[in-house]
């Protein structure tokens, strides 16, 4: 997961007017899905904000019709203390849209896992849940949100198998990560295998860069410098926002920092 800034979202001419009209119709009792073309019209623009990757798992995905997730469900909310018919008043609010792959967004069963967000939206404090149109600032979502500045930093992965894990030891942050892993189906086995392949390559590139850096420190010649920089650039590409699983790769790279190889921290700061 990486942070996504929705301020950069572009909209077609007339979209806001259409959205306001749809929101009024829903407030009068219409079904939000009747106006689903509105969020579908923003699908491509949402995809571009994270280089065509799912905002939850950072996999690249086909642009299927259900690729726009409503972070706060527009329909009935599963798990609310009282019956909740959904955050219908946010059905056409771009700040509630997330670009998501089918495995993160839709309930399904994998080889050994069950997951998919669907209508799941747990809160840290359920007593503060909002049930009617109005401000939702009092709610603190349990699910990690790619549009919150620091939420993505609470996820990591295991180097040995690519399985996702919590990146923080703080009890609430750890709980949020663990619940999000299941809700977003981040532990789906094929995704873990793909994530593992990227981790293996990252570590191989890192070992090579460390070796070349040590040679460069002993012999700071232009050719040694060039060889080290070439290796370092390969690592930088893997933690760049455009790369698959870049948040997970950053987490693994952070664990390799040392005084001997201070350049690793510099790479992290540069990206």
Protein backbone atom coordinates (compact mmCIF):
# COMPACT_ATOMS: atom_id res chain seq x y z
CA UNK A 1 0.00 0.00 0.00
CA UNK A 2 1.12 3.59 -0.71
CA UNK A 3 -0.40 6.96 0.08
CA UNK A 4 -2.73 8.30 -2.61
CA UNK A 5 -3.56 12.01 -2.70
CA UNK A 6 -7.07 12.46 -4.08
CA UNK A 7 -6.52 16.17 -4.64
CA UNK A 8 -4.95 15.21 -7.98
CA UNK A 9 -8.12 13.48 -9.21
CA UNK A 10 -9.47 14.94 -12.46
CA UNK A 11 -13.15 14.80 -13.41
CA UNK A 12 -15.00 15.03 -16.74
CA UNK A 13 -16.87 18.25 -17.56
CA UNK A 14 -20.22 18.38 -15.83
CA UNK A 15 -19.44 15.48 -13.46
CA UNK A 16 -19.99 17.43 -10.25
CA UNK A 17 -23.40 18.65 -11.39
CA UNK A 18 -24.47 15.12 -12.32
CA UNK A 19 -23.18 13.85 -8.96
CA UNK A 20 -25.16 16.48 -7.05
CA UNK A 21 -28.32 15.55 -8.91
CA UNK A 22 -27.75 11.84 -8.22
CA UNK A 23 -27.07 12.53 -4.53
CA UNK A 24 -30.35 14.41 -4.28
CA UNK A 25 -32.18 11.53 -5.95
CA UNK A 26 -30.65 9.07 -3.48
CA UNK A 27 -31.58 11.34 -0.57
CA UNK A 28 -35.16 11.09 -1.90
CA UNK A 29 -35.01 7.29 -1.84
CA UNK A 30 -33.37 6.21 -5.11
CA UNK A 31 -30.90 3.33 -5.24
CA UNK A 32 -27.27 4.61 -5.59
CA UNK A 33 -26.50 1.80 -8.04
CA UNK A 34 -28.92 3.38 -10.50
CA UNK A 35 -26.25 6.05 -11.00
CA UNK A 36 -23.20 3.75 -10.97
CA UNK A 37 -21.98 5.26 -14.23
CA UNK A 38 -20.86 8.27 -12.18
CA UNK A 39 -18.13 6.43 -10.29
CA UNK A 40 -17.28 4.35 -13.34
CA UNK A 41 -16.63 7.60 -15.22
CA UNK A 42 -13.83 8.33 -12.72
CA UNK A 43 -12.29 4.87 -12.87
CA UNK A 44 -9.50 5.74 -15.29
CA UNK A 45 -8.61 8.93 -13.44
CA UNK A 46 -8.50 7.05 -10.13
CA UNK A 47 -6.27 4.37 -11.66
CA UNK A 48 -3.77 6.94 -12.86
CA UNK A 49 -3.17 8.24 -9.33
CA UNK A 50 -1.20 5.08 -8.45
CA UNK A 51 0.11 4.02 -11.86
CA UNK A 52 -2.74 1.59 -12.64
CA UNK A 53 -2.20 -0.36 -9.39
CA UNK A 54 -4.80 -1.44 -6.84
CA UNK A 55 -4.64 1.05 -3.97
CA UNK A 56 -4.87 -1.71 -1.36
CA UNK A 57 -2.46 -4.41 -2.57
CA UNK A 58 -0.39 -2.56 -5.24
CA UNK A 59 -1.02 -5.22 -7.88
CA UNK A 60 -1.76 -4.08 -11.42
CA UNK A 61 -5.26 -5.01 -12.45
CA UNK A 62 -7.61 -5.13 -15.41
CA UNK A 63 -10.12 -2.30 -15.36
CA UNK A 64 -13.21 -4.35 -14.54
CA UNK A 65 -16.58 -2.69 -13.99
CA UNK A 66 -16.37 -3.04 -10.21
CA UNK A 67 -12.90 -1.50 -9.86
CA UNK A 68 -14.12 1.56 -7.91
CA UNK A 69 -14.60 0.72 -4.24
CA UNK A 70 -16.59 2.88 -1.83
CA UNK A 71 -14.37 2.99 1.26
CA UNK A 72 -17.43 3.60 3.41
CA UNK A 73 -19.96 1.19 1.86
CA UNK A 74 -22.80 2.80 -0.04
CA UNK A 75 -25.02 -0.18 0.81
CA UNK A 76 -25.69 -2.05 4.03
CA UNK A 77 -22.70 -2.16 6.40
CA UNK A 78 -21.75 -5.58 7.72
CA UNK A 79 -20.83 -5.70 11.41
CA UNK A 80 -22.40 -2.44 12.60
CA UNK A 81 -24.03 -2.66 16.05
CA UNK A 82 -27.35 -1.45 14.66
CA UNK A 83 -28.79 -1.99 11.22
CA UNK A 84 -26.89 0.33 8.88
CA UNK A 85 -28.24 0.95 5.38
CA UNK A 86 -24.93 2.33 4.18
CA UNK A 87 -23.24 5.69 3.79
CA UNK A 88 -25.59 6.51 0.95
CA UNK A 89 -24.88 10.23 1.23
CA UNK A 90 -21.25 9.49 0.27
CA UNK A 91 -22.13 7.38 -2.78
CA UNK A 92 -21.03 10.13 -5.17
CA UNK A 93 -18.35 11.75 -3.03
CA UNK A 94 -14.93 11.30 -4.73
CA UNK A 95 -13.16 11.35 -1.35
CA UNK A 96 -14.91 8.02 -0.65
CA UNK A 97 -13.68 6.33 -3.85
CA UNK A 98 -10.78 3.86 -3.89
CA UNK A 99 -9.38 2.03 -6.94
CA UNK A 100 -9.39 -1.66 -6.05
CA UNK A 101 -8.79 -5.04 -7.63
CA UNK A 102 -11.46 -7.72 -7.44
CA UNK A 103 -9.56 -9.76 -4.84
CA UNK A 104 -9.36 -6.77 -2.48
CA UNK A 105 -12.84 -5.44 -3.14
CA UNK A 106 -15.13 -8.47 -3.50
CA UNK A 107 -15.73 -11.31 -1.07
CA UNK A 108 -14.14 -14.51 -2.32
CA UNK A 109 -12.26 -17.61 -1.21
CA UNK A 110 -8.67 -18.25 -2.32
CA UNK A 111 -6.59 -21.43 -2.16
CA UNK A 112 -6.20 -21.12 1.64
CA UNK A 113 -7.72 -17.73 2.40
CA UNK A 114 -10.99 -15.87 2.62
CA UNK A 115 -11.10 -12.14 2.04
CA UNK A 116 -12.38 -9.16 0.14
CA UNK A 117 -13.68 -5.92 1.64
CA UNK A 118 -17.22 -5.87 0.19
CA UNK A 119 -19.52 -4.29 2.82
CA UNK A 120 -17.00 -4.61 5.67
CA UNK A 121 -16.24 -1.35 7.50
CA UNK A 122 -15.27 -1.87 11.16
CA UNK A 123 -14.45 1.05 13.45
CA UNK A 124 -11.96 1.32 16.29
CA UNK A 125 -14.81 2.63 18.46
CA UNK A 126 -18.14 1.28 17.20
CA UNK A 127 -20.09 3.59 19.50
CA UNK A 128 -19.04 6.55 17.31
CA UNK A 129 -20.49 5.17 14.08
CA UNK A 130 -22.54 7.62 12.01
CA UNK A 131 -25.89 6.31 10.77
CA UNK A 132 -27.37 9.34 9.00
CA UNK A 133 -26.20 11.98 6.54
CA UNK A 134 -23.72 14.35 8.10
CA UNK A 135 -20.05 14.68 9.09
CA UNK A 136 -18.12 11.44 9.62
CA UNK A 137 -15.03 12.96 11.27
CA UNK A 138 -15.81 11.32 14.61
CA UNK A 139 -15.35 7.85 13.09
CA UNK A 140 -11.94 6.15 13.26
CA UNK A 141 -11.84 3.35 10.67
CA UNK A 142 -10.24 0.09 11.66
CA UNK A 143 -9.30 -0.58 8.03
CA UNK A 144 -6.10 0.99 6.78
CA UNK A 145 -6.84 3.68 4.23
CA UNK A 146 -4.44 4.47 1.34
CA UNK A 147 -5.77 8.03 1.38
CA UNK A 148 -4.64 8.60 4.98
CA UNK A 149 -1.10 9.98 5.07
CA UNK A 150 0.55 7.37 7.33
CA UNK A 151 -1.74 4.31 7.20
CA UNK A 152 0.30 2.61 4.46
CA UNK A 153 3.34 2.56 6.74
CA UNK A 154 1.56 0.13 9.08
CA UNK A 155 1.84 -2.73 6.56
CA UNK A 156 4.88 -4.82 5.72
CA UNK A 157 5.67 -8.30 4.44
CA UNK A 158 7.78 -11.31 5.37
CA UNK A 159 10.94 -11.68 3.29
CA UNK A 160 10.84 -15.48 3.36
CA UNK A 161 7.39 -15.96 1.81
CA UNK A 162 5.91 -12.61 0.79
CA UNK A 163 3.08 -12.90 3.30
CA UNK A 164 1.80 -9.54 4.59
CA UNK A 165 2.38 -8.53 8.20
CA UNK A 166 1.92 -5.64 10.61
CA UNK A 167 4.80 -3.16 10.56
CA UNK A 168 4.13 -1.65 13.99
CA UNK A 169 4.24 -3.07 17.51
CA UNK A 170 1.64 -0.59 18.75
CA UNK A 171 -1.40 -2.73 19.73
CA UNK A 172 -4.04 -0.68 17.88
CA UNK A 173 -1.86 -0.19 14.79
CA UNK A 174 -1.08 -3.90 14.75
CA UNK A 175 -4.75 -4.79 15.08
CA UNK A 176 -5.67 -2.43 12.25
CA UNK A 177 -3.05 -4.03 10.00
CA UNK A 178 -4.12 -7.59 10.80
CA UNK A 179 -7.81 -6.85 10.21
CA UNK A 180 -6.97 -5.03 6.97
CA UNK A 181 -4.86 -7.93 5.72
CA UNK A 182 -7.90 -10.20 5.97
CA UNK A 183 -10.45 -7.64 4.79
CA UNK A 184 -8.43 -6.69 1.70
CA UNK A 185 -7.40 -10.33 1.08
CA UNK A 186 -3.73 -9.29 1.10
CA UNK A 187 -2.79 -12.82 2.19
CA UNK A 188 -4.21 -14.33 -1.01
CA UNK A 189 -1.65 -17.02 -1.93
CA UNK A 190 -0.94 -16.06 -5.57
CA UNK A 191 -0.40 -12.44 -4.47
CA UNK A 192 2.00 -13.58 -1.73
CA UNK A 193 3.97 -15.59 -4.30
CA UNK A 194 4.21 -12.56 -6.59
CA UNK A 195 5.21 -10.34 -3.68
CA UNK A 196 7.84 -12.92 -2.67
CA UNK A 197 9.39 -12.89 -6.14
CA UNK A 198 9.79 -9.13 -5.91
CA UNK A 199 11.31 -9.48 -2.41
CA UNK A 200 13.81 -12.10 -3.60
CA UNK A 201 14.94 -9.86 -6.43
CA UNK A 202 15.18 -6.86 -4.12
CA UNK A 203 17.43 -8.75 -1.72
CA UNK A 204 19.61 -10.01 -4.56
CA UNK A 205 20.00 -6.45 -5.85
CA UNK A 206 20.71 -5.26 -2.32
CA UNK A 207 23.46 -7.84 -1.75
CA UNK A 208 25.08 -6.83 -5.03
CA UNK A 209 24.84 -3.13 -4.18
CA UNK A 210 26.41 -3.71 -0.76
CA UNK A 211 29.30 -5.59 -2.35
CA UNK A 212 29.87 -2.86 -4.92
CA UNK A 213 29.64 -0.13 -2.29
CA UNK A 214 32.36 -1.77 -0.23
CA UNK A 215 34.57 -1.98 -3.30
CA UNK A 216 33.84 1.67 -4.05
CA UNK A 217 34.80 2.79 -0.53
CA UNK A 218 38.17 1.05 -0.94
CA UNK A 219 38.70 2.34 -4.47
CA UNK A 220 36.65 5.50 -5.22
CA UNK A 221 37.37 5.37 -8.93
CA UNK A 222 34.80 6.42 -11.56
CA UNK A 223 34.20 2.84 -12.71
CA UNK A 224 33.60 1.56 -9.16
CA UNK A 225 31.29 4.49 -8.50
CA UNK A 226 29.35 3.82 -11.71
CA UNK A 227 28.92 0.13 -10.88
CA UNK A 228 27.59 0.90 -7.40
CA UNK A 229 25.24 3.61 -8.65
CA UNK A 230 23.83 1.28 -11.31
CA UNK A 231 23.02 -1.31 -8.62
CA UNK A 232 21.55 1.34 -6.31
CA UNK A 233 19.27 2.59 -9.09
CA UNK A 234 17.83 -0.91 -9.49
CA UNK A 235 16.84 -0.85 -5.82
CA UNK A 236 15.41 2.64 -6.16
CA UNK A 237 13.17 1.45 -9.00
CA UNK A 238 11.72 -1.27 -6.74
CA UNK A 239 10.66 1.18 -4.04
CA UNK A 240 9.43 3.82 -6.46
CA UNK A 241 5.66 4.46 -6.37
CA UNK A 242 5.35 3.03 -9.89
CA UNK A 243 6.72 -0.38 -8.85
CA UNK A 244 4.61 -3.38 -7.80
CA UNK A 245 4.38 -3.80 -4.02
CA UNK A 246 6.59 -0.74 -3.51
CA UNK A 247 5.31 -0.22 0.05
CA UNK A 248 6.28 -3.78 0.99
CA UNK A 249 9.69 -3.39 -0.65
CA UNK A 250 10.30 -0.18 1.31
CA UNK A 251 9.44 -2.06 4.51
CA UNK A 252 12.00 -4.77 3.71
CA UNK A 253 14.65 -2.23 2.73
CA UNK A 254 14.17 -0.32 5.99
CA UNK A 255 15.14 -3.49 7.85
CA UNK A 256 18.51 -3.51 6.04
CA UNK A 257 19.67 -0.07 7.19
CA UNK A 258 23.03 0.13 8.98
CA UNK A 259 25.81 2.58 9.74
CA UNK A 260 28.04 0.70 7.32
CA UNK A 261 25.55 1.21 4.49
CA UNK A 262 24.09 4.64 5.18
CA UNK A 263 23.22 4.95 1.47
CA UNK A 264 20.20 2.68 2.11
CA UNK A 265 18.59 5.34 4.28
CA UNK A 266 19.35 7.93 1.61
CA UNK A 267 17.48 5.85 -0.97
CA UNK A 268 14.48 5.67 1.35
CA UNK A 269 14.53 9.42 1.87
CA UNK A 270 14.74 10.05 -1.86
CA UNK A 271 11.56 8.10 -2.57
